[in-house]
């Protein structure tokens, strides 16, 4: 392993020789470790704030003028201002350092600090780690170099970089460089620049080292409920967007599709345990009693101004009780919202059932991110049905098949074939393809594709067998237009394209419900097109045309 080192910096002519000094770090502003300094100022702030509030309360009670201050109160005010200044400076290191040592400014940029080349050559393989300041690197100063070594040695936890540095972009670059050196594997093809790392802090992703690029295509316009939508789809599967686009065209030429939201309620099901099954049954009867629902709803609804408890469904397994709470959540997908409401109810029930042992806030009777019959039957999130009548001429000219062939294939593939496979909610051709692509583009939780893709596709000849009635019924589409990944710039832009960005001010929840219908309409288009390709024997030909490339994409992305 060869490491290119910085040459000594000779003294300038005519100047006395100076001893080389290590660059002053921000953490050297106070003679304490950084975590102790932070703890000191946090403790100081809350202590003096409590002291002053207590003193002012006493003065008001005794009618003492507030401007008459004792020595202790003056000292407390001074301490309060000092701690506020520190905290406002995001732990205040740079601010304090400017007063402690104003002459020790950060050294000017030296290009030699950019050169940190690490090479390893086991046998015939060569692994090169890019310079820190090059594309894909990012950290450059000698202070960053010290932090990288500290992370590699385990002295500084990688997860604490954002908090200790106060710069999310810099933290990602340092973590990335430490990872490359530790593993001796290059991340050259993984982009670092061009992303707002502040936007994901404590919200979307921990310990970032870059971001993955997924191309976004558009299908449409899709005519749904009298409104046109251009649907963004993030995917790496060739032919998917083109196929969905063909389905959108067929629907549009036939007069559009119609959708209905049947249910709208997110679920959470805690599991509690008692000493006996009889005692668990007592709580079941109490919770399911209509006379008690209003009281439980008041407690639940305190969690949010949008959360509204709809129903509680219970199931017993021995002495364990599972309570499936269902509530509306506005335009949010709502998992955190419903969880807070459930916790409120459990705390409330604890007073009447002190022997209740709360095993877990989620007992899998919800059921989240797992295929489950309860979601298929009862629904979760938005339950949507979407339908369209495709004219015979459109089936023949656009879809290149006929109505009878589509109806027969749907019965034998989507219904009989799925039953033979023991499918649970999978009575469709490829609903998950479209759901996943739209979820990635619009900032939804991609893991919830599992239950959101529950779908049964129905096809039937109508109008004396000339036209095709096609529908998709999807009982558990879990989407939101606020919170989570929807707030990221790219995903927010895709939501804006659909006209459902953010929360609806006029009708809370209407944006998320519209997004659910768009998902169902897009699935309808995708099902229609794929089934037509299968019926016409075009599937393999289409994929060979759109899903194969003779270009070496890896060389284009990662030039040597």
Protein backbone atom coordinates (compact mmCIF):
# COMPACT_ATOMS: atom_id res chain seq x y z
CA UNK A 1 0.00 0.00 0.00
CA UNK A 2 1.38 3.36 -1.03
CA UNK A 3 0.28 6.63 0.50
CA UNK A 4 1.26 9.92 -1.07
CA UNK A 5 2.26 12.26 1.70
CA UNK A 6 2.34 16.03 1.95
CA UNK A 7 5.87 17.45 1.52
CA UNK A 8 7.27 19.71 4.23
CA UNK A 9 6.31 23.36 3.88
CA UNK A 10 9.54 25.39 3.73
CA UNK A 11 9.72 28.83 5.22
CA UNK A 12 9.38 31.76 2.85
CA UNK A 13 12.59 33.69 2.00
CA UNK A 14 13.32 36.54 4.30
CA UNK A 15 11.08 35.20 7.08
CA UNK A 16 12.29 33.56 10.26
CA UNK A 17 11.76 29.85 10.45
CA UNK A 18 8.52 28.88 12.18
CA UNK A 19 7.69 25.64 13.84
CA UNK A 20 4.92 23.76 12.08
CA UNK A 21 1.70 23.86 14.02
CA UNK A 22 -1.24 21.55 13.69
CA UNK A 23 -4.35 23.23 12.32
CA UNK A 24 -6.65 24.34 15.10
CA UNK A 25 -9.78 22.21 15.30
CA UNK A 26 -13.24 23.52 16.10
CA UNK A 27 -13.38 21.13 19.03
CA UNK A 28 -10.33 22.88 20.55
CA UNK A 29 -12.38 26.00 21.29
CA UNK A 30 -12.86 24.84 24.89
CA UNK A 31 -10.46 22.63 26.86
CA UNK A 32 -13.06 19.87 27.16
CA UNK A 33 -14.19 16.99 24.95
CA UNK A 34 -16.99 18.03 22.63
CA UNK A 35 -19.68 15.89 24.26
CA UNK A 36 -18.83 17.33 27.70
CA UNK A 37 -18.98 20.88 26.34
CA UNK A 38 -22.38 20.25 24.81
CA UNK A 39 -23.65 18.61 27.99
CA UNK A 40 -22.39 21.51 30.08
CA UNK A 41 -24.22 24.15 28.05
CA UNK A 42 -27.43 22.14 27.81
CA UNK A 43 -27.45 21.63 31.57
CA UNK A 44 -26.62 25.29 32.17
CA UNK A 45 -29.44 26.47 29.89
CA UNK A 46 -32.20 24.38 31.46
CA UNK A 47 -30.95 24.96 35.03
CA UNK A 48 -30.85 28.76 34.86
CA UNK A 49 -34.10 28.87 32.85
CA UNK A 50 -35.86 26.93 35.60
CA UNK A 51 -34.24 29.12 38.30
CA UNK A 52 -35.32 32.38 36.62
CA UNK A 53 -38.87 31.19 36.00
CA UNK A 54 -39.14 30.13 39.64
CA UNK A 55 -37.78 33.49 40.85
CA UNK A 56 -40.10 35.52 38.59
CA UNK A 57 -43.06 33.50 39.80
CA UNK A 58 -42.14 34.36 43.40
CA UNK A 59 -41.77 38.04 42.51
CA UNK A 60 -45.21 38.12 40.89
CA UNK A 61 -46.69 36.40 43.91
CA UNK A 62 -45.06 38.87 46.35
CA UNK A 63 -45.62 41.93 44.06
CA UNK A 64 -41.86 42.52 43.77
CA UNK A 65 -40.81 44.56 40.66
CA UNK A 66 -39.31 42.24 38.05
CA UNK A 67 -36.54 44.70 37.15
CA UNK A 68 -35.07 44.56 40.66
CA UNK A 69 -32.40 41.90 40.34
CA UNK A 70 -30.27 40.15 42.90
CA UNK A 71 -26.68 39.13 42.27
CA UNK A 72 -27.72 35.50 41.70
CA UNK A 73 -30.34 36.58 39.17
CA UNK A 74 -27.84 38.69 37.27
CA UNK A 75 -25.45 35.73 37.15
CA UNK A 76 -28.30 33.49 35.97
CA UNK A 77 -29.23 35.91 33.19
CA UNK A 78 -25.62 36.11 32.05
CA UNK A 79 -25.41 32.29 32.04
CA UNK A 80 -28.67 32.05 30.13
CA UNK A 81 -27.48 34.43 27.41
CA UNK A 82 -24.16 32.57 27.12
CA UNK A 83 -25.85 29.19 26.74
CA UNK A 84 -28.34 30.57 24.20
CA UNK A 85 -25.51 31.98 22.08
CA UNK A 86 -23.75 28.62 22.22
CA UNK A 87 -26.83 26.62 21.26
CA UNK A 88 -27.87 29.02 18.49
CA UNK A 89 -24.48 28.47 16.92
CA UNK A 90 -25.38 24.75 16.63
CA UNK A 91 -23.26 23.78 19.59
CA UNK A 92 -21.39 27.05 19.28
CA UNK A 93 -17.87 25.83 18.57
CA UNK A 94 -17.08 28.17 15.71
CA UNK A 95 -18.71 31.13 17.51
CA UNK A 96 -16.81 30.57 20.75
CA UNK A 97 -13.58 29.91 18.89
CA UNK A 98 -13.79 33.29 17.15
CA UNK A 99 -13.68 34.97 20.59
CA UNK A 100 -11.25 32.62 22.31
CA UNK A 101 -8.64 32.81 19.55
CA UNK A 102 -9.58 35.29 16.80
CA UNK A 103 -6.10 35.22 15.27
CA UNK A 104 -6.10 31.49 14.74
CA UNK A 105 -8.27 31.59 11.64
CA UNK A 106 -8.68 28.45 9.58
CA UNK A 107 -5.71 27.98 7.28
CA UNK A 108 -6.16 28.83 3.60
CA UNK A 109 -6.86 25.99 1.22
CA UNK A 110 -3.79 24.01 0.26
CA UNK A 111 -4.05 21.74 -2.77
CA UNK A 112 -1.83 19.19 -1.05
CA UNK A 113 -4.64 18.58 1.42
CA UNK A 114 -6.71 17.27 -1.48
CA UNK A 115 -4.27 14.47 -2.23
CA UNK A 116 -4.96 11.37 -0.22
CA UNK A 117 -4.47 8.42 -2.53
CA UNK A 118 -4.70 4.94 -1.09
CA UNK A 119 -3.82 2.02 -3.32
CA UNK A 120 -3.95 -1.66 -2.65
CA UNK A 121 -2.87 -4.32 -5.12
CA UNK A 122 -3.70 -7.87 -4.03
CA UNK A 123 -2.41 -10.18 -6.76
CA UNK A 124 -3.71 -8.88 -10.08
CA UNK A 125 -6.56 -6.73 -8.75
CA UNK A 126 -6.08 -3.02 -8.14
CA UNK A 127 -8.40 -1.04 -5.91
CA UNK A 128 -7.98 2.72 -6.11
CA UNK A 129 -9.71 5.09 -3.71
CA UNK A 130 -10.38 8.47 -5.27
CA UNK A 131 -8.90 11.63 -3.75
CA UNK A 132 -11.10 13.24 -1.12
CA UNK A 133 -11.68 16.39 -3.12
CA UNK A 134 -12.38 14.59 -6.39
CA UNK A 135 -15.83 13.72 -7.64
CA UNK A 136 -17.27 11.22 -5.20
CA UNK A 137 -14.91 12.29 -2.42
CA UNK A 138 -15.61 15.58 -0.75
CA UNK A 139 -13.59 15.98 2.43
CA UNK A 140 -10.36 17.87 1.94
CA UNK A 141 -8.90 19.57 5.01
CA UNK A 142 -6.37 18.13 7.41
CA UNK A 143 -9.02 18.34 10.10
CA UNK A 144 -11.24 16.08 7.99
CA UNK A 145 -8.29 13.73 7.58
CA UNK A 146 -8.00 13.45 11.36
CA UNK A 147 -11.72 12.75 11.67
CA UNK A 148 -11.52 10.06 8.99
CA UNK A 149 -8.76 8.32 10.91
CA UNK A 150 -10.78 8.67 14.11
CA UNK A 151 -13.80 7.02 12.46
CA UNK A 152 -11.64 4.22 11.08
CA UNK A 153 -10.14 3.54 14.51
CA UNK A 154 -13.57 3.52 16.15
CA UNK A 155 -12.84 6.54 18.36
CA UNK A 156 -15.55 8.59 16.64
CA UNK A 157 -18.81 6.71 15.91
CA UNK A 158 -19.81 7.07 12.28
CA UNK A 159 -23.43 7.72 13.21
CA UNK A 160 -22.48 10.80 15.27
CA UNK A 161 -20.79 12.76 12.48
CA UNK A 162 -23.82 14.89 11.54
CA UNK A 163 -24.37 15.98 15.14
CA UNK A 164 -20.72 16.66 15.93
CA UNK A 165 -19.84 18.44 12.67
CA UNK A 166 -23.08 20.32 12.05
CA UNK A 167 -22.63 19.78 8.30
CA UNK A 168 -24.51 16.84 6.78
CA UNK A 169 -22.76 17.01 3.40
CA UNK A 170 -19.33 17.00 5.05
CA UNK A 171 -20.36 14.16 7.37
CA UNK A 172 -21.41 12.03 4.39
CA UNK A 173 -18.12 12.69 2.61
CA UNK A 174 -16.04 11.77 5.67
CA UNK A 175 -18.09 8.63 6.34
CA UNK A 176 -17.77 7.65 2.69
CA UNK A 177 -14.00 8.07 2.66
CA UNK A 178 -13.59 6.13 5.90
CA UNK A 179 -15.71 3.32 4.45
CA UNK A 180 -13.62 3.15 1.27
CA UNK A 181 -10.38 2.95 3.20
CA UNK A 182 -11.69 0.40 5.69
CA UNK A 183 -13.13 -1.95 3.06
CA UNK A 184 -10.57 -1.19 0.33
CA UNK A 185 -13.53 -0.93 -2.05
CA UNK A 186 -14.19 2.09 -4.23
CA UNK A 187 -17.56 3.88 -4.28
CA UNK A 188 -16.66 5.84 -7.39
CA UNK A 189 -19.91 5.02 -9.21
CA UNK A 190 -22.09 6.08 -6.26
CA UNK A 191 -22.78 9.85 -6.49
CA UNK A 192 -22.16 12.11 -3.52
CA UNK A 193 -22.64 15.59 -4.95
CA UNK A 194 -25.94 17.09 -5.99
CA UNK A 195 -28.02 15.94 -3.03
CA UNK A 196 -29.46 17.81 -0.05
CA UNK A 197 -28.32 15.74 2.90
CA UNK A 198 -29.93 18.14 5.36
CA UNK A 199 -33.35 17.10 4.03
CA UNK A 200 -32.96 13.47 5.14
CA UNK A 201 -31.51 14.13 8.60
CA UNK A 202 -33.64 12.43 11.28
CA UNK A 203 -36.29 11.77 8.64
CA UNK A 204 -35.37 9.45 5.79
CA UNK A 205 -31.95 7.82 6.08
CA UNK A 206 -29.14 7.44 8.59
CA UNK A 207 -25.40 7.35 7.93
CA UNK A 208 -25.62 8.31 4.22
CA UNK A 209 -22.61 7.86 1.91
CA UNK A 210 -24.30 8.88 -1.33
CA UNK A 211 -27.48 8.24 -3.25
CA UNK A 212 -28.70 5.82 -5.90
CA UNK A 213 -29.93 7.13 -9.23
CA UNK A 214 -33.15 5.63 -10.59
CA UNK A 215 -34.48 6.91 -13.93
CA UNK A 216 -38.00 8.34 -13.93
CA UNK A 217 -40.23 7.88 -16.96
CA UNK A 218 -43.79 9.10 -17.52
CA UNK A 219 -46.86 7.25 -18.74
CA UNK A 220 -49.96 8.97 -20.02
CA UNK A 221 -51.90 11.04 -20.24
CA UNK A 222 -54.20 8.78 -18.24
CA UNK A 223 -57.85 9.85 -18.25
CA UNK A 224 -59.25 9.03 -14.80
CA UNK A 225 -62.51 10.35 -13.36
CA UNK A 226 -62.63 13.01 -16.07
CA UNK A 227 -59.13 14.32 -15.28
CA UNK A 228 -55.86 13.74 -17.14
CA UNK A 229 -52.72 12.64 -15.28
CA UNK A 230 -49.16 12.12 -16.47
CA UNK A 231 -47.85 9.38 -14.20
CA UNK A 232 -44.18 9.39 -13.06
CA UNK A 233 -42.61 5.94 -12.69
CA UNK A 234 -39.13 5.29 -11.25
CA UNK A 235 -37.87 1.96 -12.51
CA UNK A 236 -34.92 0.10 -14.00
CA UNK A 237 -37.11 -2.43 -15.81
CA UNK A 238 -37.22 -1.78 -19.50
CA UNK A 239 -40.62 -1.95 -21.24
CA UNK A 240 -42.56 -1.22 -18.02
CA UNK A 241 -43.21 2.47 -18.70
CA UNK A 242 -43.86 1.84 -22.39
CA UNK A 243 -46.35 -0.91 -21.58
CA UNK A 244 -48.19 1.20 -19.00
CA UNK A 245 -48.25 4.07 -21.47
CA UNK A 246 -49.95 1.84 -24.05
CA UNK A 247 -52.57 0.87 -21.48
CA UNK A 248 -53.16 4.56 -20.70
CA UNK A 249 -53.67 5.23 -24.41
CA UNK A 250 -56.22 2.42 -24.73
CA UNK A 251 -58.15 3.70 -21.70
CA UNK A 252 -58.05 7.30 -22.95
CA UNK A 253 -59.33 6.36 -26.44
CA UNK A 254 -62.19 4.44 -24.82
CA UNK A 255 -63.44 7.38 -22.75
CA UNK A 256 -61.35 7.02 -19.60
CA UNK A 257 -61.54 5.06 -16.35
CA UNK A 258 -63.60 5.59 -13.21
CA UNK A 259 -62.54 4.93 -9.62
CA UNK A 260 -64.14 4.75 -6.18
CA UNK A 261 -62.40 4.91 -2.78
CA UNK A 262 -64.24 2.32 -0.69
CA UNK A 263 -62.38 2.75 2.59
CA UNK A 264 -59.74 5.06 4.03
CA UNK A 265 -58.14 3.99 7.29
CA UNK A 266 -54.67 3.11 8.51
CA UNK A 267 -54.31 0.34 11.10
CA UNK A 268 -52.13 -0.57 14.06
CA UNK A 269 -52.67 -3.64 16.24
CA UNK A 270 -50.90 -3.88 19.61
CA UNK A 271 -50.70 -7.17 21.46
CA UNK A 272 -51.36 -7.27 25.22
CA UNK A 273 -51.18 -10.18 27.63
CA UNK A 274 -53.13 -11.15 30.75
CA UNK A 275 -52.80 -13.87 33.34
CA UNK A 276 -55.78 -15.71 31.89
CA UNK A 277 -57.84 -15.94 28.70
CA UNK A 278 -60.94 -14.91 30.65
CA UNK A 279 -59.30 -11.64 31.65
CA UNK A 280 -58.24 -11.00 28.04
CA UNK A 281 -61.84 -11.59 26.95
CA UNK A 282 -63.03 -8.95 29.44
CA UNK A 283 -60.91 -6.30 27.73
CA UNK A 284 -62.11 -7.53 24.32
CA UNK A 285 -65.75 -7.06 25.32
CA UNK A 286 -64.96 -3.68 26.88
CA UNK A 287 -63.19 -2.37 23.77
CA UNK A 288 -65.84 -3.67 21.36
CA UNK A 289 -68.75 -2.31 23.41
CA UNK A 290 -70.31 0.58 21.42
CA UNK A 291 -70.98 2.41 24.69
CA UNK A 292 -67.23 2.70 25.29
CA UNK A 293 -66.21 3.70 21.77
CA UNK A 294 -66.74 7.44 22.20
CA UNK A 295 -64.50 7.56 25.27
CA UNK A 296 -61.76 5.62 23.53
CA UNK A 297 -62.09 7.80 20.42
CA UNK A 298 -61.62 10.99 22.44
CA UNK A 299 -58.41 9.61 23.95
CA UNK A 300 -57.17 8.34 20.58
CA UNK A 301 -57.91 11.55 18.67
CA UNK A 302 -55.74 13.63 20.99
CA UNK A 303 -52.69 12.34 19.11
CA UNK A 304 -53.34 14.53 16.05
CA UNK A 305 -55.84 16.99 14.63
CA UNK A 306 -56.19 14.65 11.64
CA UNK A 307 -56.39 11.29 13.44
CA UNK A 308 -59.98 10.06 13.84
CA UNK A 309 -60.60 6.61 15.28
CA UNK A 310 -63.02 4.59 13.12
CA UNK A 311 -63.19 1.15 14.68
CA UNK A 312 -61.39 -1.43 16.84
CA UNK A 313 -61.33 -5.08 15.83
CA UNK A 314 -60.15 -7.65 18.40
CA UNK A 315 -58.82 -11.20 18.19
CA UNK A 316 -57.76 -13.52 21.01
CA UNK A 317 -55.03 -16.16 21.01
CA UNK A 318 -55.09 -17.82 24.43
CA UNK A 319 -54.49 -15.14 27.04
CA UNK A 320 -53.15 -12.70 24.44
CA UNK A 321 -55.37 -10.01 22.94
CA UNK A 322 -54.77 -8.29 19.59
CA UNK A 323 -56.61 -4.99 19.05
CA UNK A 324 -56.65 -3.70 15.46
CA UNK A 325 -57.22 0.07 15.55
CA UNK A 326 -58.35 1.74 12.31
CA UNK A 327 -58.30 5.52 11.88
CA UNK A 328 -58.27 8.21 9.21
CA UNK A 329 -54.97 10.09 8.92
CA UNK A 330 -55.57 13.03 6.59
CA UNK A 331 -53.04 13.28 3.77
CA UNK A 332 -50.33 11.40 5.67
CA UNK A 333 -49.77 7.69 5.19
CA UNK A 334 -50.29 7.72 8.94
CA UNK A 335 -48.28 4.94 10.58
CA UNK A 336 -46.73 7.23 13.19
CA UNK A 337 -50.03 9.03 13.72
CA UNK A 338 -52.01 5.87 14.45
CA UNK A 339 -49.21 4.51 16.65
CA UNK A 340 -49.35 7.60 18.87
CA UNK A 341 -53.12 7.28 19.16
CA UNK A 342 -52.86 3.61 20.08
CA UNK A 343 -50.32 4.43 22.78
CA UNK A 344 -52.74 6.99 24.25
CA UNK A 345 -55.52 4.39 24.41
CA UNK A 346 -53.26 1.78 25.98
CA UNK A 347 -52.23 4.24 28.69
CA UNK A 348 -55.91 5.03 29.27
CA UNK A 349 -56.89 1.35 29.51
CA UNK A 350 -54.08 0.65 31.95
CA UNK A 351 -56.01 2.42 34.73
CA UNK A 352 -58.99 0.01 34.42
CA UNK A 353 -56.87 -2.99 33.54
CA UNK A 354 -53.70 -2.61 35.64
CA UNK A 355 -52.80 -6.28 35.07
CA UNK A 356 -52.56 -5.69 31.31
CA UNK A 357 -49.03 -6.38 30.04
CA UNK A 358 -48.29 -4.45 26.84
CA UNK A 359 -46.09 -6.85 24.88
CA UNK A 360 -45.73 -4.68 21.77
CA UNK A 361 -47.29 -1.66 20.09
CA UNK A 362 -47.46 -3.79 16.93
CA UNK A 363 -48.52 -7.42 17.11
CA UNK A 364 -48.60 -8.10 13.34
CA UNK A 365 -52.41 -8.13 13.27
CA UNK A 366 -52.13 -4.72 11.52
CA UNK A 367 -50.50 -6.06 9.23
CA UNK A 368 -47.66 -3.91 7.95
CA UNK A 369 -45.23 -4.83 5.13
CA UNK A 370 -46.25 -8.48 5.11
CA UNK A 371 -48.78 -10.37 2.98
CA UNK A 372 -51.77 -10.97 5.25
CA UNK A 373 -55.36 -12.10 4.75
CA UNK A 374 -56.60 -9.43 7.16
CA UNK A 375 -55.46 -6.69 4.76
CA UNK A 376 -56.89 -8.54 1.76
CA UNK A 377 -60.29 -8.93 3.46
CA UNK A 378 -60.62 -5.90 5.76
CA UNK A 379 -58.41 -3.46 3.87
CA UNK A 380 -55.66 -1.14 5.07
CA UNK A 381 -54.93 2.39 3.94
CA UNK A 382 -57.08 3.17 0.90
CA UNK A 383 -59.36 0.51 -0.60
CA UNK A 384 -59.94 1.39 -4.25
CA UNK A 385 -61.78 -0.12 -7.21
CA UNK A 386 -61.05 1.18 -10.72
CA UNK A 387 -62.79 0.18 -13.96
CA UNK A 388 -62.97 0.96 -17.66
CA UNK A 389 -64.75 -0.30 -20.76
CA UNK A 390 -62.35 -0.72 -23.67
CA UNK A 391 -63.93 -0.56 -27.10
CA UNK A 392 -63.48 -3.48 -29.48
CA UNK A 393 -61.72 -1.28 -32.04
CA UNK A 394 -59.18 -0.11 -29.45
CA UNK A 395 -58.56 -3.69 -28.30
CA UNK A 396 -57.82 -4.69 -31.88
CA UNK A 397 -55.79 -1.69 -33.09
CA UNK A 398 -53.96 -0.52 -29.96
CA UNK A 399 -53.69 -3.69 -27.87
CA UNK A 400 -53.27 -5.98 -30.92
CA UNK A 401 -55.55 -8.72 -29.60
CA UNK A 402 -59.27 -9.50 -29.16
CA UNK A 403 -61.76 -9.42 -26.30
CA UNK A 404 -62.37 -13.19 -26.12
CA UNK A 405 -58.65 -13.95 -25.85
CA UNK A 406 -58.20 -11.42 -23.01
CA UNK A 407 -61.16 -12.76 -21.02
CA UNK A 408 -59.98 -16.36 -21.35
CA UNK A 409 -56.39 -15.53 -20.42
CA UNK A 410 -57.50 -13.56 -17.37
CA UNK A 411 -59.52 -16.51 -16.05
CA UNK A 412 -56.78 -19.06 -16.61
CA UNK A 413 -53.86 -16.87 -15.50
CA UNK A 414 -54.97 -14.27 -12.96
CA UNK A 415 -57.74 -16.32 -11.33
CA UNK A 416 -57.15 -20.05 -11.80
CA UNK A 417 -53.36 -19.86 -12.04
CA UNK A 418 -53.07 -17.68 -8.95
CA UNK A 419 -55.39 -20.04 -7.03
CA UNK A 420 -53.23 -22.99 -8.04
CA UNK A 421 -50.22 -21.11 -6.68
CA UNK A 422 -51.99 -20.40 -3.39
CA UNK A 423 -51.74 -16.66 -3.98
CA UNK A 424 -52.76 -14.24 -1.24
CA UNK A 425 -53.98 -11.05 -2.87
CA UNK A 426 -52.00 -11.82 -6.03
CA UNK A 427 -54.81 -12.36 -8.53
CA UNK A 428 -53.25 -10.08 -11.11
CA UNK A 429 -50.55 -10.00 -13.78
CA UNK A 430 -48.02 -7.51 -12.37
CA UNK A 431 -49.67 -4.91 -10.11
CA UNK A 432 -46.56 -4.69 -7.94
CA UNK A 433 -44.53 -3.47 -10.93
CA UNK A 434 -46.60 -0.32 -11.29
CA UNK A 435 -47.09 0.20 -7.55
CA UNK A 436 -43.34 0.00 -6.86
CA UNK A 437 -42.46 2.38 -9.70
CA UNK A 438 -44.96 5.03 -8.57
CA UNK A 439 -44.00 4.58 -4.91
CA UNK A 440 -40.32 5.19 -5.64
CA UNK A 441 -41.10 8.24 -7.76
CA UNK A 442 -43.45 9.86 -5.24
CA UNK A 443 -41.60 9.15 -1.99
CA UNK A 444 -43.80 6.40 -0.57
CA UNK A 445 -42.46 3.58 1.60
CA UNK A 446 -41.35 0.99 -0.99
CA UNK A 447 -41.63 -1.85 1.54
CA UNK A 448 -45.38 -1.27 1.71
CA UNK A 449 -45.57 -2.45 -1.88
CA UNK A 450 -46.15 -5.88 -0.28
CA UNK A 451 -49.73 -5.21 0.80
CA UNK A 452 -50.37 -2.24 -1.49
CA UNK A 453 -50.03 -4.57 -4.49
CA UNK A 454 -52.88 -6.79 -3.31
CA UNK A 455 -55.08 -6.74 -6.39
CA UNK A 456 -57.65 -8.82 -8.25
CA UNK A 457 -57.99 -8.11 -11.97
CA UNK A 458 -61.33 -8.90 -13.59
CA UNK A 459 -62.13 -8.95 -17.33
CA UNK A 460 -65.51 -9.53 -18.92
CA UNK A 461 -66.98 -9.18 -22.38
CA UNK A 462 -69.84 -6.62 -22.50
CA UNK A 463 -72.09 -5.03 -25.10
CA UNK A 464 -72.89 -8.37 -26.76
CA UNK A 465 -69.31 -9.49 -26.51
CA UNK A 466 -67.88 -6.62 -28.51
CA UNK A 467 -66.25 -4.53 -25.79
CA UNK A 468 -64.10 -5.38 -22.76
CA UNK A 469 -64.94 -4.43 -19.17
CA UNK A 470 -61.75 -4.48 -17.08
CA UNK A 471 -61.37 -3.64 -13.41
CA UNK A 472 -58.84 -3.80 -10.58
CA UNK A 473 -59.83 -4.00 -6.92
CA UNK A 474 -57.04 -3.03 -4.52
CA UNK A 475 -58.01 -3.16 -0.81
CA UNK A 476 -54.83 -1.85 0.81
CA UNK A 477 -53.10 1.00 -1.04
CA UNK A 478 -50.94 2.77 1.56
CA UNK A 479 -49.95 6.23 0.36
CA UNK A 480 -49.48 9.77 1.66
CA UNK A 481 -48.64 13.17 0.23
CA UNK A 482 -46.96 14.57 3.34
CA UNK A 483 -44.19 13.24 5.58
CA UNK A 484 -41.37 10.81 4.96
CA UNK A 485 -39.87 10.71 1.49
CA UNK A 486 -42.60 12.91 -0.01
CA UNK A 487 -40.71 15.97 1.24
CA UNK A 488 -37.55 15.24 -0.77
CA UNK A 489 -37.07 17.51 -3.77
CA UNK A 490 -37.31 14.88 -6.53
CA UNK A 491 -40.25 13.03 -5.02
CA UNK A 492 -42.02 16.30 -4.25
CA UNK A 493 -41.66 17.29 -7.91
CA UNK A 494 -43.32 14.04 -9.00
CA UNK A 495 -46.22 14.64 -6.61
CA UNK A 496 -46.51 18.15 -7.99
CA UNK A 497 -46.72 16.69 -11.52
CA UNK A 498 -49.77 14.72 -10.38
CA UNK A 499 -51.29 17.74 -8.64
CA UNK A 500 -51.26 16.12 -5.19
CA UNK A 501 -48.21 17.72 -3.57
CA UNK A 502 -48.53 18.32 0.17
CA UNK A 503 -51.69 18.44 2.25
CA UNK A 504 -55.03 19.60 0.91
CA UNK A 505 -56.15 22.74 2.73
CA UNK A 506 -59.74 22.56 1.50
CA UNK A 507 -60.39 18.87 2.17
CA UNK A 508 -57.83 17.09 4.40
CA UNK A 509 -57.08 13.65 3.01
CA UNK A 510 -58.28 14.33 -0.53
CA UNK A 511 -54.75 14.50 -1.99
CA UNK A 512 -53.75 11.10 -0.61
CA UNK A 513 -57.04 9.58 -1.74
CA UNK A 514 -56.52 10.97 -5.24
CA UNK A 515 -53.00 9.53 -5.29
CA UNK A 516 -54.45 6.13 -4.37
CA UNK A 517 -56.88 6.31 -7.29
CA UNK A 518 -54.00 7.28 -9.61
CA UNK A 519 -52.09 4.21 -8.44
CA UNK A 520 -55.13 2.01 -9.11
CA UNK A 521 -55.71 3.62 -12.53
CA UNK A 522 -52.08 3.07 -13.47
CA UNK A 523 -52.29 -0.56 -12.36
CA UNK A 524 -55.39 -0.92 -14.55
CA UNK A 525 -53.41 0.40 -17.52
CA UNK A 526 -50.46 -1.88 -16.77
CA UNK A 527 -52.66 -4.95 -16.39
CA UNK A 528 -54.48 -4.23 -19.63
CA UNK A 529 -51.29 -3.82 -21.64
CA UNK A 530 -49.39 -6.81 -20.25
CA UNK A 531 -52.35 -9.14 -20.60
CA UNK A 532 -52.75 -8.00 -24.19
CA UNK A 533 -49.07 -8.67 -24.89
CA UNK A 534 -49.42 -12.16 -23.43
CA UNK A 535 -52.60 -12.86 -25.38
CA UNK A 536 -50.95 -11.70 -28.63
CA UNK A 537 -47.68 -13.52 -27.94
CA UNK A 538 -45.70 -10.27 -27.94
CA UNK A 539 -44.14 -10.37 -24.45
CA UNK A 540 -40.75 -11.85 -25.34
CA UNK A 541 -40.43 -9.74 -28.48
CA UNK A 542 -41.20 -6.53 -26.58
CA UNK A 543 -38.71 -7.26 -23.81
CA UNK A 544 -35.98 -8.15 -26.28
CA UNK A 545 -36.59 -4.78 -27.94
CA UNK A 546 -36.88 -2.53 -24.85
CA UNK A 547 -35.16 -4.45 -22.05
CA UNK A 548 -31.83 -5.32 -23.70
CA UNK A 549 -28.86 -3.10 -24.44
CA UNK A 550 -25.59 -3.70 -26.23
CA UNK A 551 -23.92 -0.82 -24.40
CA UNK A 552 -21.77 -1.45 -21.33
CA UNK A 553 -23.56 0.88 -18.93
CA UNK A 554 -21.14 0.18 -16.09
CA UNK A 555 -18.28 1.67 -18.10
CA UNK A 556 -20.37 4.73 -18.89
CA UNK A 557 -21.18 5.28 -15.21
CA UNK A 558 -17.72 4.52 -13.84
CA UNK A 559 -15.00 5.59 -16.25
CA UNK A 560 -11.63 4.04 -15.45
